[in-house]
Protein backbone atom coordinates (compact mmCIF):
# COMPACT_ATOMS: atom_id res chain seq x y z
CA MET A 1 -28.17 225.80 -73.83
CA THR A 2 -28.01 225.34 -77.35
CA HIS A 3 -26.55 227.80 -79.64
CA ALA A 4 -27.74 227.78 -83.10
CA VAL A 5 -25.29 228.34 -85.81
CA PRO A 6 -26.93 230.07 -88.73
CA GLY A 7 -27.14 227.72 -91.77
CA THR A 8 -26.06 224.65 -89.96
CA ASP A 9 -29.55 223.57 -89.03
CA ALA A 10 -30.60 223.31 -92.64
CA ALA A 11 -27.44 221.46 -93.66
CA HIS A 12 -27.85 219.20 -90.73
CA ALA A 13 -31.43 218.55 -91.59
CA VAL A 14 -30.57 217.71 -95.24
CA GLY A 15 -27.71 215.48 -94.13
CA ALA A 16 -29.89 213.72 -91.66
CA GLY A 17 -32.68 213.27 -94.21
CA GLY A 18 -30.31 211.91 -96.86
CA HIS A 19 -28.85 209.57 -94.39
CA GLU A 20 -32.25 208.40 -93.40
CA ALA A 21 -33.25 207.93 -97.05
CA ALA A 22 -30.12 205.83 -97.74
CA ALA A 23 -30.65 203.83 -94.60
CA SER A 24 -34.30 203.17 -95.48
CA ALA A 25 -33.39 201.93 -99.01
CA GLY A 26 -31.24 199.03 -97.75
CA MET A 27 -29.02 197.20 -100.27
CA PRO A 28 -28.67 199.00 -103.59
CA GLN A 29 -29.15 195.74 -105.54
CA LEU A 30 -32.61 195.42 -104.08
CA ASP A 31 -33.63 198.98 -104.86
CA PHE A 32 -36.61 198.72 -107.22
CA ALA A 33 -35.75 202.01 -108.82
CA THR A 34 -32.54 200.53 -110.34
CA PHE A 35 -33.92 197.09 -111.33
CA GLY A 36 -34.26 197.93 -115.01
CA ASN A 37 -30.73 199.23 -115.20
CA GLN A 38 -29.40 196.17 -113.30
CA ILE A 39 -31.29 193.74 -115.55
CA PHE A 40 -29.98 195.49 -118.66
CA TRP A 41 -26.37 195.22 -117.52
CA LEU A 42 -26.94 191.66 -116.38
CA LEU A 43 -28.17 190.75 -119.88
CA VAL A 44 -25.25 192.62 -121.47
CA ALA A 45 -22.76 190.77 -119.19
CA LEU A 46 -24.41 187.40 -119.92
CA ALA A 47 -24.39 188.11 -123.66
CA LEU A 48 -20.69 189.06 -123.51
CA ILE A 49 -19.88 185.94 -121.51
CA TYR A 50 -21.89 183.84 -124.01
CA LEU A 51 -20.12 185.43 -126.99
CA ILE A 52 -16.68 184.99 -125.44
CA LEU A 53 -17.41 181.40 -124.52
CA SER A 54 -19.06 180.46 -127.84
CA ARG A 55 -16.52 182.24 -130.08
CA VAL A 56 -13.27 181.73 -128.18
CA ALA A 57 -13.27 179.28 -125.27
CA ILE A 58 -15.56 176.49 -126.50
CA PRO A 59 -13.91 176.22 -129.96
CA ARG A 60 -10.51 176.08 -128.30
CA LEU A 61 -11.72 173.39 -125.92
CA GLY A 62 -13.26 171.54 -128.88
CA ARG A 63 -9.97 171.70 -130.77
CA ILE A 64 -8.04 170.55 -127.71
CA LEU A 65 -10.46 167.66 -127.15
CA GLY A 66 -10.35 166.78 -130.85
CA ASP A 67 -6.55 166.88 -130.82
CA ARG A 68 -6.48 164.69 -127.74
CA GLN A 69 -8.96 162.29 -129.29
CA GLY A 70 -6.83 162.21 -132.44
CA LEU A 71 -3.69 161.57 -130.41
CA MET A 72 -5.42 158.83 -128.45
CA THR A 73 -6.69 157.25 -131.66
CA ALA A 74 -3.23 157.49 -133.22
CA ASP A 75 -1.63 156.07 -130.06
CA LEU A 76 -4.13 153.21 -129.98
CA ALA A 77 -3.48 152.50 -133.66
CA ALA A 78 0.27 152.62 -133.05
CA ALA A 79 -0.15 150.32 -130.05
CA GLU A 80 -2.18 147.89 -132.19
CA ASP A 81 0.51 148.09 -134.87
CA PHE A 82 3.25 147.42 -132.31
CA LYS A 83 1.19 144.59 -130.87
CA ARG A 84 0.78 143.06 -134.35
CA LYS A 85 4.50 143.52 -135.04
CA ALA A 86 5.31 141.91 -131.69
CA ARG A 87 3.09 138.93 -132.57
CA ASP A 88 4.74 138.68 -135.99
CA ALA A 89 8.19 138.92 -134.39
CA GLU A 90 7.25 136.27 -131.84
CA ALA A 91 5.96 133.98 -134.60
CA ALA A 92 9.15 134.56 -136.60
CA TYR A 93 11.23 133.88 -133.48
CA ASP A 94 9.29 130.67 -132.78
CA LYS A 95 9.72 129.56 -136.41
CA ALA A 96 13.44 130.39 -136.35
CA LEU A 97 13.79 128.51 -133.05
CA ALA A 98 11.97 125.48 -134.49
CA ASP A 99 14.12 125.63 -137.63
CA ALA A 100 17.27 125.91 -135.51
CA ARG A 101 16.19 122.92 -133.43
CA ALA A 102 15.46 120.92 -136.58
CA GLU A 103 18.83 121.92 -138.06
CA ALA A 104 20.55 121.01 -134.79
CA GLY A 105 18.80 117.63 -134.89
CA LYS A 106 20.02 117.09 -138.45
CA ILE A 107 23.57 118.08 -137.47
CA VAL A 108 23.47 115.75 -134.47
CA ALA A 109 22.16 112.91 -136.66
CA ALA A 110 24.84 113.59 -139.30
CA ASN A 111 27.57 113.73 -136.65
CA LYS A 112 26.25 110.56 -135.05
CA ALA A 113 26.23 108.79 -138.43
CA GLU A 114 29.76 110.06 -139.14
CA ILE A 115 30.98 108.95 -135.72
CA ASP A 116 29.27 105.56 -136.17
CA ALA A 117 30.96 105.16 -139.57
CA GLU A 118 34.34 106.13 -138.10
CA LEU A 119 33.74 103.79 -135.17
CA LYS A 120 32.81 100.91 -137.50
CA ALA A 121 35.91 101.63 -139.61
CA ALA A 122 38.07 101.73 -136.48
CA ILE A 123 36.50 98.49 -135.23
CA ALA A 124 37.04 96.84 -138.63
CA LYS A 125 40.66 98.03 -138.64
CA ALA A 126 41.15 96.81 -135.08
CA ASP A 127 39.53 93.46 -135.98
CA ALA A 128 41.85 93.17 -138.99
CA GLU A 129 44.87 93.98 -136.82
CA ILE A 130 43.70 91.53 -134.18
CA ALA A 131 43.15 88.86 -136.84
CA ALA A 132 46.60 89.58 -138.31
CA ARG A 133 48.23 89.46 -134.88
CA ALA A 134 46.26 86.33 -133.99
CA SER A 135 47.42 84.71 -137.23
CA GLU A 136 50.99 85.81 -136.53
CA SER A 137 50.66 84.57 -132.95
CA GLU A 138 49.32 81.20 -134.14
CA ARG A 139 52.18 80.94 -136.64
CA ARG A 140 54.69 81.78 -133.92
CA ILE A 141 53.01 79.38 -131.53
CA GLY A 142 53.23 76.74 -134.26
CA GLU A 143 56.89 77.53 -134.77
CA ILE A 144 57.47 77.45 -131.03
CA ARG A 145 55.65 74.11 -130.82
CA GLN A 146 57.64 72.83 -133.77
CA SER A 147 60.82 74.13 -132.18
CA ALA A 148 59.81 72.76 -128.80
CA ALA A 149 58.94 69.41 -130.35
CA SER A 150 62.25 69.22 -132.22
CA ALA A 151 64.08 70.38 -129.09
CA ALA A 152 62.20 67.81 -127.05
CA LEU A 153 63.04 65.16 -129.65
CA SER A 154 66.68 66.20 -129.58
CA VAL A 155 66.71 66.17 -125.77
CA ALA A 156 64.92 62.81 -125.76
CA ARG A 157 67.52 61.35 -128.13
CA GLU A 158 70.37 62.69 -126.05
CA VAL A 159 68.82 61.46 -122.80
CA THR A 160 68.08 58.06 -124.32
CA ALA A 161 71.62 57.77 -125.60
CA GLU A 162 73.00 58.73 -122.19
CA LEU A 163 70.68 56.25 -120.46
CA VAL A 164 71.77 53.48 -122.75
CA ARG A 165 75.42 54.34 -122.06
CA ALA A 166 74.67 54.62 -118.37
CA PHE A 167 73.40 51.02 -118.41
CA GLY A 168 76.63 50.00 -120.03
CA ALA A 169 75.49 49.40 -123.55
CA SER A 170 76.64 51.13 -126.62
CA ALA A 171 74.09 53.44 -128.16
CA ASP A 172 73.72 53.28 -131.89
CA PRO A 173 72.49 56.72 -132.97
CA ALA A 174 70.21 55.29 -135.68
CA THR A 175 68.63 52.81 -133.26
CA VAL A 176 68.16 55.52 -130.60
CA ASP A 177 66.60 57.84 -133.17
CA ALA A 178 64.23 55.09 -134.38
CA ALA A 179 63.21 54.16 -130.80
CA VAL A 180 62.62 57.81 -129.81
CA ASP A 181 60.69 58.50 -133.06
CA ALA A 182 58.47 55.45 -132.49
CA ARG A 183 57.83 56.46 -128.92
CA MET A 184 57.05 60.06 -129.88
CA LYS A 185 54.61 58.92 -132.55
CA GLY A 186 52.88 56.72 -130.01
CA ALA A 187 52.76 59.58 -127.47
CA VAL A 188 51.35 61.98 -130.04
CA GLN A 189 48.56 59.61 -131.05
């Protein structure tokens, strides 16, 4: 048994019909009755997006890209400048190194010449000293020979005189001296 509530049948019928109408329409975006309105708002949204992008975002991006390009160009120019300065510094270093080597060669040559001159002077001085000592030595040797010869002559005279006395004769000093002198002259020749 069904009891009917007055006024509920009509409300139920309207609610059921509205529900059926909404269910039969499907997705609201595909409802042909609202296409014009949807297209209008789509165009308005696209126009706003275009205006925002063209007036705000794209110029900012352009400035950022321009700034970056400027920075990169400046950095590349600075790098080229540093590279050129490095080449110049390297060339200056190489030149300074070559100059220093040349100067060192000159100093070595000058020192070598100075040392050679000092060595030649020292050798000349040593040669002079050696010559002086050799001359002195020859003089002394001559004196020693002279002394030795006179000593030998004296010894020969004494020995001769003693020999003559030993044989029992009397030794005349003048005769002994003459005999020894004659013998010494014959021995020297």
